[in-house]
Amino acid sequence: MAEDKKSKNNTATGLDQNIENVLCYVGGWLTGLIFLLLAKENKRTKFHAMQSLVIFGGISVLSFIPVIGWFLSWILWIVAFVLWLVLIIKAYQGEDWEVPVVGEFVKKQIK
């Protein structure tokens, strides 16, 4: 039974595709990294995992830069939270929603 589900969804964890994609975003860059390492052959999961890693990893790095961290961190984190919610909803709906610029970069890296 587990093998049937895995072959049907082609996911590393055996979860439904949309659930696995949502989990790529739930923990920010950390779960993005975990699922990027787990998803060997599944391009959809790799896309969501890498997009999560690039976006939320980048936001984390930007928040540590002194000028940005002091003056813009609250705006940065509000934008990150809204983006996080949108990405989770779109992933659950089965959409491979691309964040402008980042989505194109991620698609090139996956190929």
PDB file of N, CA and C in Angstrom:
ATOM      1  N   MET A   1       0.821  -1.197   0.000  1.00  0.00           N
ATOM      2  CA  MET A   1       0.000   0.000   0.000  1.00  0.00           C
ATOM      3  C   MET A   1       0.861   1.255   0.000  1.00  0.00           C
ATOM      4  N   ALA A   2       1.896   1.279   0.830  1.00  0.00           N
ATOM      5  CA  ALA A   2       2.774   2.456   0.884  1.00  0.00           C
ATOM      6  C   ALA A   2       3.509   2.634  -0.437  1.00  0.00           C
ATOM      7  N   GLU A   3       3.890   1.529  -1.065  1.00  0.00           N
ATOM      8  CA  GLU A   3       4.583   1.631  -2.348  1.00  0.00           C
ATOM      9  C   GLU A   3       3.661   2.174  -3.430  1.00  0.00           C
ATOM     10  N   ASP A   4       2.380   1.777  -3.398  1.00  0.00           N
ATOM     11  CA  ASP A   4       1.423   2.291  -4.370  1.00  0.00           C
ATOM     12  C   ASP A   4       1.265   3.798  -4.229  1.00  0.00           C
ATOM     13  N   LYS A   5       1.167   4.257  -2.998  1.00  0.00           N
ATOM     14  CA  LYS A   5       0.992   5.690  -2.764  1.00  0.00           C
ATOM     15  C   LYS A   5       2.241   6.455  -3.187  1.00  0.00           C
ATOM     16  N   LYS A   6       3.430   5.907  -2.892  1.00  0.00           N
ATOM     17  CA  LYS A   6       4.664   6.585  -3.264  1.00  0.00           C
ATOM     18  C   LYS A   6       4.804   6.657  -4.776  1.00  0.00           C
ATOM     19  N   SER A   7       4.505   5.570  -5.467  1.00  0.00           N
ATOM     20  CA  SER A   7       4.629   5.599  -6.919  1.00  0.00           C
ATOM     21  C   SER A   7       3.568   6.505  -7.541  1.00  0.00           C
ATOM     22  N   LYS A   8       2.393   6.568  -6.915  1.00  0.00           N
ATOM     23  CA  LYS A   8       1.329   7.425  -7.427  1.00  0.00           C
ATOM     24  C   LYS A   8       1.713   8.900  -7.311  1.00  0.00           C
ATOM     25  N   ASN A   9       2.250   9.291  -6.159  1.00  0.00           N
ATOM     26  CA  ASN A   9       2.589  10.686  -5.909  1.00  0.00           C
ATOM     27  C   ASN A   9       4.029  11.018  -6.259  1.00  0.00           C
ATOM     28  N   ASN A  10       4.881  10.012  -6.326  1.00  0.00           N
ATOM     29  CA  ASN A  10       6.297  10.194  -6.626  1.00  0.00           C
ATOM     30  C   ASN A  10       6.947  11.177  -5.647  1.00  0.00           C
ATOM     31  N   THR A  11       6.631  11.026  -4.363  1.00  0.00           N
ATOM     32  CA  THR A  11       7.228  11.883  -3.350  1.00  0.00           C
ATOM     33  C   THR A  11       8.170  11.064  -2.488  1.00  0.00           C
ATOM     34  N   ALA A  12       9.165  11.726  -1.937  1.00  0.00           N
ATOM     35  CA  ALA A  12      10.171  11.048  -1.131  1.00  0.00           C
ATOM     36  C   ALA A  12       9.606  10.573   0.207  1.00  0.00           C
ATOM     37  N   THR A  13       8.625  11.283   0.730  1.00  0.00           N
ATOM     38  CA  THR A  13       8.089  10.963   2.051  1.00  0.00           C
ATOM     39  C   THR A  13       6.850  10.084   2.005  1.00  0.00           C
ATOM     40  N   GLY A  14       6.258   9.925   0.842  1.00  0.00           N
ATOM     41  CA  GLY A  14       5.031   9.157   0.723  1.00  0.00           C
ATOM     42  C   GLY A  14       3.782   9.975   1.004  1.00  0.00           C
ATOM     43  N   LEU A  15       3.953  11.248   1.310  1.00  0.00           N
ATOM     44  CA  LEU A  15       2.813  12.140   1.530  1.00  0.00           C
ATOM     45  C   LEU A  15       2.215  12.552   0.195  1.00  0.00           C
ATOM     46  N   ASP A  16       1.011  13.084   0.237  1.00  0.00           N
ATOM     47  CA  ASP A  16       0.430  13.659  -0.973  1.00  0.00           C
ATOM     48  C   ASP A  16       1.324  14.786  -1.469  1.00  0.00           C
ATOM     49  N   GLN A  17       1.332  14.987  -2.765  1.00  0.00           N
ATOM     50  CA  GLN A  17       2.200  15.996  -3.381  1.00  0.00           C
ATOM     51  C   GLN A  17       1.962  17.389  -2.805  1.00  0.00           C
ATOM     52  N   ASN A  18       0.687  17.786  -2.684  1.00  0.00           N
ATOM     53  CA  ASN A  18       0.422  19.141  -2.196  1.00  0.00           C
ATOM     54  C   ASN A  18       0.824  19.318  -0.734  1.00  0.00           C
ATOM     55  N   ILE A  19       0.700  18.282   0.082  1.00  0.00           N
ATOM     56  CA  ILE A  19       1.115  18.364   1.489  1.00  0.00           C
ATOM     57  C   ILE A  19       2.632  18.495   1.576  1.00  0.00           C
ATOM     58  N   GLU A  20       3.334  17.725   0.785  1.00  0.00           N
ATOM     59  CA  GLU A  20       4.796  17.814   0.781  1.00  0.00           C
ATOM     60  C   GLU A  20       5.250  19.203   0.330  1.00  0.00           C
ATOM     61  N   ASN A  21       4.572  19.765  -0.667  1.00  0.00           N
ATOM     62  CA  ASN A  21       4.923  21.108  -1.139  1.00  0.00           C
ATOM     63  C   ASN A  21       4.644  22.166  -0.071  1.00  0.00           C
ATOM     64  N   VAL A  22       3.538  22.026   0.655  1.00  0.00           N
ATOM     65  CA  VAL A  22       3.232  22.954   1.753  1.00  0.00           C
ATOM     66  C   VAL A  22       4.317  22.877   2.816  1.00  0.00           C
ATOM     67  N   LEU A  23       4.735  21.672   3.153  1.00  0.00           N
ATOM     68  CA  LEU A  23       5.752  21.505   4.193  1.00  0.00           C
ATOM     69  C   LEU A  23       7.088  22.145   3.811  1.00  0.00           C
ATOM     70  N   CYS A  24       7.332  22.317   2.522  1.00  0.00           N
ATOM     71  CA  CYS A  24       8.553  23.008   2.085  1.00  0.00           C
ATOM     72  C   CYS A  24       8.585  24.439   2.611  1.00  0.00           C
ATOM     73  N   TYR A  25       7.419  25.047   2.779  1.00  0.00           N
ATOM     74  CA  TYR A  25       7.335  26.448   3.203  1.00  0.00           C
ATOM     75  C   TYR A  25       7.097  26.626   4.704  1.00  0.00           C
ATOM     76  N   VAL A  26       6.509  25.639   5.353  1.00  0.00           N
ATOM     77  CA  VAL A  26       6.077  25.794   6.744  1.00  0.00           C
ATOM     78  C   VAL A  26       7.214  26.234   7.662  1.00  0.00           C
ATOM     79  N   GLY A  27       8.368  25.658   7.536  1.00  0.00           N
ATOM     80  CA  GLY A  27       9.501  26.001   8.401  1.00  0.00           C
ATOM     81  C   GLY A  27      10.483  26.950   7.763  1.00  0.00           C
ATOM     82  N   GLY A  28      10.031  27.671   6.737  1.00  0.00           N
ATOM     83  CA  GLY A  28      10.918  28.636   6.085  1.00  0.00           C
ATOM     84  C   GLY A  28      12.062  27.955   5.357  1.00  0.00           C
ATOM     85  N   TRP A  29      13.242  28.545   5.457  1.00  0.00           N
ATOM     86  CA  TRP A  29      14.391  28.021   4.710  1.00  0.00           C
ATOM     87  C   TRP A  29      14.835  26.655   5.231  1.00  0.00           C
ATOM     88  N   LEU A  30      14.576  26.347   6.498  1.00  0.00           N
ATOM     89  CA  LEU A  30      15.021  25.073   7.061  1.00  0.00           C
ATOM     90  C   LEU A  30      14.286  23.893   6.430  1.00  0.00           C
ATOM     91  N   THR A  31      12.958  23.958   6.360  1.00  0.00           N
ATOM     92  CA  THR A  31      12.229  22.858   5.722  1.00  0.00           C
ATOM     93  C   THR A  31      12.455  22.862   4.213  1.00  0.00           C
ATOM     94  N   GLY A  32      12.718  24.028   3.652  1.00  0.00           N
ATOM     95  CA  GLY A  32      13.090  24.072   2.239  1.00  0.00           C
ATOM     96  C   GLY A  32      14.359  23.274   1.989  1.00  0.00           C
ATOM     97  N   LEU A  33      15.341  23.443   2.851  1.00  0.00           N
ATOM     98  CA  LEU A  33      16.600  22.703   2.731  1.00  0.00           C
ATOM     99  C   LEU A  33      16.381  21.208   2.925  1.00  0.00           C
ATOM    100  N   ILE A  34      15.587  20.845   3.915  1.00  0.00           N
ATOM    101  CA  ILE A  34      15.326  19.425   4.183  1.00  0.00           C
ATOM    102  C   ILE A  34      14.660  18.760   2.983  1.00  0.00           C
ATOM    103  N   PHE A  35      13.627  19.378   2.442  1.00  0.00           N
ATOM    104  CA  PHE A  35      12.930  18.768   1.310  1.00  0.00           C
ATOM    105  C   PHE A  35      13.750  18.840   0.027  1.00  0.00           C
ATOM    106  N   LEU A  36      14.631  19.804  -0.092  1.00  0.00           N
ATOM    107  CA  LEU A  36      15.522  19.841  -1.253  1.00  0.00           C
ATOM    108  C   LEU A  36      16.457  18.639  -1.222  1.00  0.00           C
ATOM    109  N   LEU A  37      16.913  18.272  -0.046  1.00  0.00           N
ATOM    110  CA  LEU A  37      17.774  17.099   0.092  1.00  0.00           C
ATOM    111  C   LEU A  37      16.999  15.794  -0.077  1.00  0.00           C
ATOM    112  N   LEU A  38      15.739  15.774   0.331  1.00  0.00           N
ATOM    113  CA  LEU A  38      14.920  14.562   0.218  1.00  0.00           C
ATOM    114  C   LEU A  38      14.388  14.323  -1.191  1.00  0.00           C
ATOM    115  N   ALA A  39      14.059  15.377  -1.895  1.00  0.00           N
ATOM    116  CA  ALA A  39      13.417  15.248  -3.211  1.00  0.00           C
ATOM    117  C   ALA A  39      14.473  15.037  -4.286  1.00  0.00           C
ATOM    118  N   LYS A  40      14.761  13.806  -4.560  1.00  0.00           N
ATOM    119  CA  LYS A  40      15.782  13.493  -5.565  1.00  0.00           C
ATOM    120  C   LYS A  40      15.244  13.641  -6.988  1.00  0.00           C
ATOM    121  N   GLU A  41      14.032  13.118  -7.217  1.00  0.00           N
ATOM    122  CA  GLU A  41      13.506  13.063  -8.580  1.00  0.00           C
ATOM    123  C   GLU A  41      12.255  13.916  -8.795  1.00  0.00           C
ATOM    124  N   ASN A  42      11.633  14.366  -7.747  1.00  0.00           N
ATOM    125  CA  ASN A  42      10.373  15.089  -7.863  1.00  0.00           C
ATOM    126  C   ASN A  42      10.641  16.574  -8.106  1.00  0.00           C
ATOM    127  N   LYS A  43      10.437  17.017  -9.340  1.00  0.00           N
ATOM    128  CA  LYS A  43      10.754  18.406  -9.700  1.00  0.00           C
ATOM    129  C   LYS A  43       9.827  19.416  -9.039  1.00  0.00           C
ATOM    130  N   ARG A  44       8.577  19.041  -8.817  1.00  0.00           N
ATOM    131  CA  ARG A  44       7.652  19.984  -8.164  1.00  0.00           C
ATOM    132  C   ARG A  44       8.089  20.253  -6.728  1.00  0.00           C
ATOM    133  N   THR A  45       8.427  19.208  -6.008  1.00  0.00           N
ATOM    134  CA  THR A  45       8.880  19.396  -4.630  1.00  0.00           C
ATOM    135  C   THR A  45      10.208  20.135  -4.609  1.00  0.00           C
ATOM    136  N   LYS A  46      11.098  19.815  -5.527  1.00  0.00           N
ATOM    137  CA  LYS A  46      12.375  20.530  -5.590  1.00  0.00           C
ATOM    138  C   LYS A  46      12.151  22.013  -5.867  1.00  0.00           C
ATOM    139  N   PHE A  47      11.192  22.331  -6.740  1.00  0.00           N
ATOM    140  CA  PHE A  47      10.883  23.730  -7.037  1.00  0.00           C
ATOM    141  C   PHE A  47      10.429  24.462  -5.777  1.00  0.00           C
ATOM    142  N   HIS A  48       9.463  23.889  -5.071  1.00  0.00           N
ATOM    143  CA  HIS A  48       8.943  24.544  -3.866  1.00  0.00           C
ATOM    144  C   HIS A  48      10.013  24.625  -2.775  1.00  0.00           C
ATOM    145  N   ALA A  49      10.803  23.567  -2.637  1.00  0.00           N
ATOM    146  CA  ALA A  49      11.850  23.561  -1.614  1.00  0.00           C
ATOM    147  C   ALA A  49      12.911  24.617  -1.910  1.00  0.00           C
ATOM    148  N   MET A  50      13.345  24.695  -3.163  1.00  0.00           N
ATOM    149  CA  MET A  50      14.377  25.670  -3.511  1.00  0.00           C
ATOM    150  C   MET A  50      13.830  27.094  -3.446  1.00  0.00           C
ATOM    151  N   GLN A  51      12.591  27.288  -3.853  1.00  0.00           N
ATOM    152  CA  GLN A  51      11.997  28.619  -3.771  1.00  0.00           C
ATOM    153  C   GLN A  51      11.910  29.062  -2.306  1.00  0.00           C
ATOM    154  N   SER A  52      11.536  28.159  -1.419  1.00  0.00           N
ATOM    155  CA  SER A  52      11.487  28.465   0.011  1.00  0.00           C
ATOM    156  C   SER A  52      12.878  28.799   0.544  1.00  0.00           C
ATOM    157  N   LEU A  53      13.846  28.016   0.154  1.00  0.00           N
ATOM    158  CA  LEU A  53      15.223  28.232   0.607  1.00  0.00           C
ATOM    159  C   LEU A  53      15.759  29.577   0.142  1.00  0.00           C
ATOM    160  N   VAL A  54      15.543  29.917  -1.118  1.00  0.00           N
ATOM    161  CA  VAL A  54      16.052  31.176  -1.667  1.00  0.00           C
ATOM    162  C   VAL A  54      15.331  32.375  -1.046  1.00  0.00           C
ATOM    163  N   ILE A  55      14.012  32.324  -0.974  1.00  0.00           N
ATOM    164  CA  ILE A  55      13.248  33.471  -0.466  1.00  0.00           C
ATOM    165  C   ILE A  55      13.495  33.688   1.023  1.00  0.00           C
ATOM    166  N   PHE A  56      13.240  32.669   1.817  1.00  0.00           N
ATOM    167  CA  PHE A  56      13.307  32.856   3.265  1.00  0.00           C
ATOM    168  C   PHE A  56      14.745  32.855   3.781  1.00  0.00           C
ATOM    169  N   GLY A  57      15.627  32.171   3.074  1.00  0.00           N
ATOM    170  CA  GLY A  57      17.047  32.285   3.412  1.00  0.00           C
ATOM    171  C   GLY A  57      17.555  33.682   3.115  1.00  0.00           C
ATOM    172  N   GLY A  58      17.138  34.229   1.977  1.00  0.00           N
ATOM    173  CA  GLY A  58      17.524  35.595   1.615  1.00  0.00           C
ATOM    174  C   GLY A  58      16.983  36.623   2.589  1.00  0.00           C
ATOM    175  N   ILE A  59      15.742  36.449   3.004  1.00  0.00           N
ATOM    176  CA  ILE A  59      15.150  37.375   3.972  1.00  0.00           C
ATOM    177  C   ILE A  59      15.884  37.289   5.307  1.00  0.00           C
ATOM    178  N   SER A  60      16.246  36.086   5.711  1.00  0.00           N
ATOM    179  CA  SER A  60      16.994  35.927   6.963  1.00  0.00           C
ATOM    180  C   SER A  60      18.343  36.618   6.892  1.00  0.00           C
ATOM    181  N   VAL A  61      19.028  36.465   5.767  1.00  0.00           N
ATOM    182  CA  VAL A  61      20.330  37.117   5.595  1.00  0.00           C
ATOM    183  C   VAL A  61      20.164  38.631   5.587  1.00  0.00           C
ATOM    184  N   LEU A  62      19.173  39.133   4.852  1.00  0.00           N
ATOM    185  CA  LEU A  62      18.946  40.581   4.801  1.00  0.00           C
ATOM    186  C   LEU A  62      18.640  41.174   6.172  1.00  0.00           C
ATOM    187  N   SER A  63      17.973  40.418   7.006  1.00  0.00           N
ATOM    188  CA  SER A  63      17.617  40.948   8.327  1.00  0.00           C
ATOM    189  C   SER A  63      18.834  41.129   9.226  1.00  0.00           C
ATOM    190  N   PHE A  64      19.944  40.467   8.901  1.00  0.00           N
ATOM    191  CA  PHE A  64      21.158  40.600   9.707  1.00  0.00           C
ATOM    192  C   PHE A  64      22.073  41.718   9.232  1.00  0.00           C
ATOM    193  N   ILE A  65      21.790  42.291   8.069  1.00  0.00           N
ATOM    194  CA  ILE A  65      22.593  43.414   7.586  1.00  0.00           C
ATOM    195  C   ILE A  65      22.209  44.631   8.423  1.00  0.00           C
ATOM    196  N   PRO A  66      23.177  45.291   9.049  1.00  0.00           N
ATOM    197  CA  PRO A  66      22.858  46.350  10.016  1.00  0.00           C
ATOM    198  C   PRO A  66      21.898  47.425   9.518  1.00  0.00           C
ATOM    199  N   VAL A  67      22.130  48.024   8.375  1.00  0.00           N
ATOM    200  CA  VAL A  67      21.266  49.111   7.909  1.00  0.00           C
ATOM    201  C   VAL A  67      19.855  48.599   7.643  1.00  0.00           C
ATOM    202  N   ILE A  68      19.749  47.487   6.954  1.00  0.00           N
ATOM    203  CA  ILE A  68      18.438  46.924   6.648  1.00  0.00           C
ATOM    204  C   ILE A  68      17.785  46.401   7.922  1.00  0.00           C
ATOM    205  N   GLY A  69      18.563  45.733   8.733  1.00  0.00           N
ATOM    206  CA  GLY A  69      18.024  45.177   9.968  1.00  0.00           C
ATOM    207  C   GLY A  69      17.451  46.227  10.895  1.00  0.00           C
ATOM    208  N   TRP A  70      18.098  47.363  11.005  1.00  0.00           N
ATOM    209  CA  TRP A  70      17.640  48.399  11.922  1.00  0.00           C
ATOM    210  C   TRP A  70      16.444  49.172  11.393  1.00  0.00           C
ATOM    211  N   PHE A  71      16.459  49.500  10.122  1.00  0.00           N
ATOM    212  CA  PHE A  71      15.427  50.383   9.579  1.00  0.00           C
ATOM    213  C   PHE A  71      14.269  49.662   8.888  1.00  0.00           C
ATOM    214  N   LEU A  72      14.552  48.539   8.297  1.00  0.00           N
ATOM    215  CA  LEU A  72      13.523  47.907   7.472  1.00  0.00           C
ATOM    216  C   LEU A  72      13.091  46.521   7.933  1.00  0.00           C
ATOM    217  N   SER A  73      13.611  46.047   9.037  1.00  0.00           N
ATOM    218  CA  SER A  73      13.325  44.663   9.415  1.00  0.00           C
ATOM    219  C   SER A  73      11.840  44.414   9.645  1.00  0.00           C
ATOM    220  N   TRP A  74      11.136  45.354  10.237  1.00  0.00           N
ATOM    221  CA  TRP A  74       9.714  45.138  10.494  1.00  0.00           C
ATOM    222  C   TRP A  74       8.929  45.056   9.197  1.00  0.00           C
ATOM    223  N   ILE A  75       9.273  45.857   8.202  1.00  0.00           N
ATOM    224  CA  ILE A  75       8.610  45.785   6.891  1.00  0.00           C
ATOM    225  C   ILE A  75       8.966  44.471   6.204  1.00  0.00           C
ATOM    226  N   LEU A  76      10.233  44.115   6.287  1.00  0.00           N
ATOM    227  CA  LEU A  76      10.721  42.883   5.673  1.00  0.00           C
ATOM    228  C   LEU A  76       9.991  41.665   6.236  1.00  0.00           C
ATOM    229  N   TRP A  77       9.796  41.622   7.537  1.00  0.00           N
ATOM    230  CA  TRP A  77       9.139  40.472   8.149  1.00  0.00           C
ATOM    231  C   TRP A  77       7.635  40.454   7.878  1.00  0.00           C
ATOM    232  N   ILE A  78       7.008  41.596   7.729  1.00  0.00           N
ATOM    233  CA  ILE A  78       5.586  41.629   7.355  1.00  0.00           C
ATOM    234  C   ILE A  78       5.415  41.093   5.934  1.00  0.00           C
ATOM    235  N   VAL A  79       6.270  41.549   5.033  1.00  0.00           N
ATOM    236  CA  VAL A  79       6.242  41.056   3.652  1.00  0.00           C
ATOM    237  C   VAL A  79       6.514  39.555   3.628  1.00  0.00           C
ATOM    238  N   ALA A  80       7.479  39.110   4.408  1.00  0.00           N
ATOM    239  CA  ALA A  80       7.813  37.687   4.463  1.00  0.00           C
ATOM    240  C   ALA A  80       6.630  36.863   4.966  1.00  0.00           C
ATOM    241  N   PHE A  81       5.925  37.368   5.973  1.00  0.00           N
ATOM    242  CA  PHE A  81       4.778  36.642   6.519  1.00  0.00           C
ATOM    243  C   PHE A  81       3.657  36.517   5.492  1.00  0.00           C
ATOM    244  N   VAL A  82       3.354  37.598   4.812  1.00  0.00           N
ATOM    245  CA  VAL A  82       2.307  37.570   3.782  1.00  0.00           C
ATOM    246  C   VAL A  82       2.709  36.627   2.651  1.00  0.00           C
ATOM    247  N   LEU A  83       3.951  36.717   2.219  1.00  0.00           N
ATOM    248  CA  LEU A  83       4.453  35.835   1.165  1.00  0.00           C
ATOM    249  C   LEU A  83       4.403  34.378   1.613  1.00  0.00           C
ATOM    250  N   TRP A  84       4.759  34.128   2.845  1.00  0.00           N
ATOM    251  CA  TRP A  84       4.724  32.785   3.418  1.00  0.00           C
ATOM    252  C   TRP A  84       3.307  32.216   3.346  1.00  0.00           C
ATOM    253  N   LEU A  85       2.308  33.011   3.747  1.00  0.00           N
ATOM    254  CA  LEU A  85       0.916  32.558   3.695  1.00  0.00           C
ATOM    255  C   LEU A  85       0.462  32.278   2.263  1.00  0.00           C
ATOM    256  N   VAL A  86       0.784  33.170   1.348  1.00  0.00           N
ATOM    257  CA  VAL A  86       0.391  32.994  -0.057  1.00  0.00           C
ATOM    258  C   VAL A  86       1.024  31.732  -0.629  1.00  0.00           C
ATOM    259  N   LEU A  87       2.302  31.519  -0.367  1.00  0.00           N
ATOM    260  CA  LEU A  87       2.989  30.340  -0.894  1.00  0.00           C
ATOM    261  C   LEU A  87       2.413  29.049  -0.324  1.00  0.00           C
ATOM    262  N   ILE A  88       2.074  29.037   0.946  1.00  0.00           N
ATOM    263  CA  ILE A  88       1.470  27.848   1.550  1.00  0.00           C
ATOM    264  C   ILE A  88       0.107  27.564   0.919  1.00  0.00           C
ATOM    265  N   ILE A  89      -0.707  28.576   0.760  1.00  0.00           N
ATOM    266  CA  ILE A  89      -2.040  28.393   0.167  1.00  0.00           C
ATOM    267  C   ILE A  89      -1.930  27.907  -1.274  1.00  0.00           C
ATOM    268  N   LYS A  90      -1.065  28.537  -2.057  1.00  0.00           N
ATOM    269  CA  LYS A  90      -0.902  28.139  -3.462  1.00  0.00           C
ATOM    270  C   LYS A  90      -0.361  26.715  -3.569  1.00  0.00           C
ATOM    271  N   ALA A  91       0.583  26.355  -2.709  1.00  0.00           N
ATOM    272  CA  ALA A  91       1.139  24.999  -2.740  1.00  0.00           C
ATOM    273  C   ALA A  91       0.074  23.973  -2.366  1.00  0.00           C
ATOM    274  N   TYR A  92      -0.759  24.285  -1.400  1.00  0.00           N
ATOM    275  CA  TYR A  92      -1.820  23.360  -1.003  1.00  0.00           C
ATOM    276  C   TYR A  92      -2.845  23.178  -2.117  1.00  0.00           C
ATOM    277  N   GLN A  93      -3.088  24.237  -2.878  1.00  0.00           N
ATOM    278  CA  GLN A  93      -4.027  24.157  -3.993  1.00  0.00           C
ATOM    279  C   GLN A  93      -3.423  23.449  -5.204  1.00  0.00           C
ATOM    280  N   GLY A  94      -2.160  23.083  -5.124  1.00  0.00           N
ATOM    281  CA  GLY A  94      -1.510  22.365  -6.210  1.00  0.00           C
ATOM    282  C   GLY A  94      -0.901  23.262  -7.267  1.00  0.00           C
ATOM    283  N   GLU A  95      -0.823  24.554  -7.005  1.00  0.00           N
ATOM    284  CA  GLU A  95      -0.253  25.496  -7.967  1.00  0.00           C
ATOM    285  C   GLU A  95       1.247  25.644  -7.734  1.00  0.00           C
ATOM    286  N   ASP A  96       1.981  25.706  -8.811  1.00  0.00           N
ATOM    287  CA  ASP A  96       3.418  25.986  -8.735  1.00  0.00           C
ATOM    288  C   ASP A  96       3.609  27.476  -8.963  1.00  0.00           C
ATOM    289  N   TRP A  97       3.174  28.264  -8.013  1.00  0.00           N
ATOM    290  CA  TRP A  97       3.214  29.717  -8.131  1.00  0.00           C
ATOM    291  C   TRP A  97       4.647  30.201  -8.014  1.00  0.00           C
ATOM    292  N   GLU A  98       5.060  30.982  -9.003  1.00  0.00           N
ATOM    293  CA  GLU A  98       6.423  31.504  -9.024  1.00  0.00           C
ATOM    294  C   GLU A  98       6.451  32.914  -8.459  1.00  0.00           C
ATOM    295  N   VAL A  99       7.309  33.131  -7.499  1.00  0.00           N
ATOM    296  CA  VAL A  99       7.561  34.484  -7.022  1.00  0.00           C
ATOM    297  C   VAL A  99       8.381  35.164  -8.113  1.00  0.00           C
ATOM    298  N   PRO A 100       8.010  36.376  -8.531  1.00  0.00           N
ATOM    299  CA  PRO A 100       8.761  37.041  -9.602  1.00  0.00           C
ATOM    300  C   PRO A 100      10.265  37.058  -9.318  1.00  0.00           C
ATOM    301  N   VAL A 101      11.038  36.866 -10.327  1.00  0.00           N
ATOM    302  CA  VAL A 101      12.502  36.808 -10.321  1.00  0.00           C
ATOM    303  C   VAL A 101      12.997  35.525  -9.653  1.00  0.00           C
ATOM    304  N   VAL A 102      12.571  35.249  -8.440  1.00  0.00           N
ATOM    305  CA  VAL A 102      13.035  34.066  -7.715  1.00  0.00           C
ATOM    306  C   VAL A 102      12.555  32.791  -8.399  1.00  0.00           C
ATOM    307  N   GLY A 103      11.298  32.749  -8.815  1.00  0.00           N
ATOM    308  CA  GLY A 103      10.753  31.567  -9.469  1.00  0.00           C
ATOM    309  C   GLY A 103      11.484  31.218 -10.750  1.00  0.00           C
ATOM    310  N   GLU A 104      11.834  32.229 -11.532  1.00  0.00           N
ATOM    311  CA  GLU A 104      12.584  31.994 -12.770  1.00  0.00           C
ATOM    312  C   GLU A 104      13.976  31.452 -12.461  1.00  0.00           C
ATOM    313  N   PHE A 105      14.629  32.024 -11.464  1.00  0.00           N
ATOM    314  CA  PHE A 105      15.955  31.564 -11.051  1.00  0.00           C
ATOM    315  C   PHE A 105      15.900  30.110 -10.589  1.00  0.00           C
ATOM    316  N   VAL A 106      14.901  29.780  -9.801  1.00  0.00           N
ATOM    317  CA  VAL A 106      14.758  28.426  -9.267  1.00  0.00           C
ATOM    318  C   VAL A 106      14.515  27.425 -10.388  1.00  0.00           C
ATOM    319  N   LYS A 107      13.658  27.762 -11.340  1.00  0.00           N
ATOM    320  CA  LYS A 107      13.396  26.851 -12.462  1.00  0.00           C
ATOM    321  C   LYS A 107      14.661  26.559 -13.261  1.00  0.00           C
ATOM    322  N   LYS A 108      15.503  27.571 -13.447  1.00  0.00           N
ATOM    323  CA  LYS A 108      16.765  27.361 -14.159  1.00  0.00           C
ATOM    324  C   LYS A 108      17.686  26.434 -13.378  1.00  0.00           C
ATOM    325  N   GLN A 109      17.684  26.536 -12.067  1.00  0.00           N
ATOM    326  CA  GLN A 109      18.554  25.708 -11.238  1.00  0.00           C
ATOM    327  C   GLN A 109      18.110  24.246 -11.214  1.00  0.00           C
ATOM    328  N   ILE A 110      16.824  24.013 -11.337  1.00  0.00           N
ATOM    329  CA  ILE A 110      16.297  22.649 -11.278  1.00  0.00           C
ATOM    330  C   ILE A 110      16.586  21.879 -12.559  1.00  0.00           C
ATOM    331  N   LYS A 111      16.588  22.563 -13.686  1.00  0.00           N
ATOM    332  CA  LYS A 111      16.802  21.881 -14.973  1.00  0.00           C
ATOM    333  C   LYS A 111      18.167  21.360 -15.126  1.00  0.00           C
TER     334      LYS A 111
END
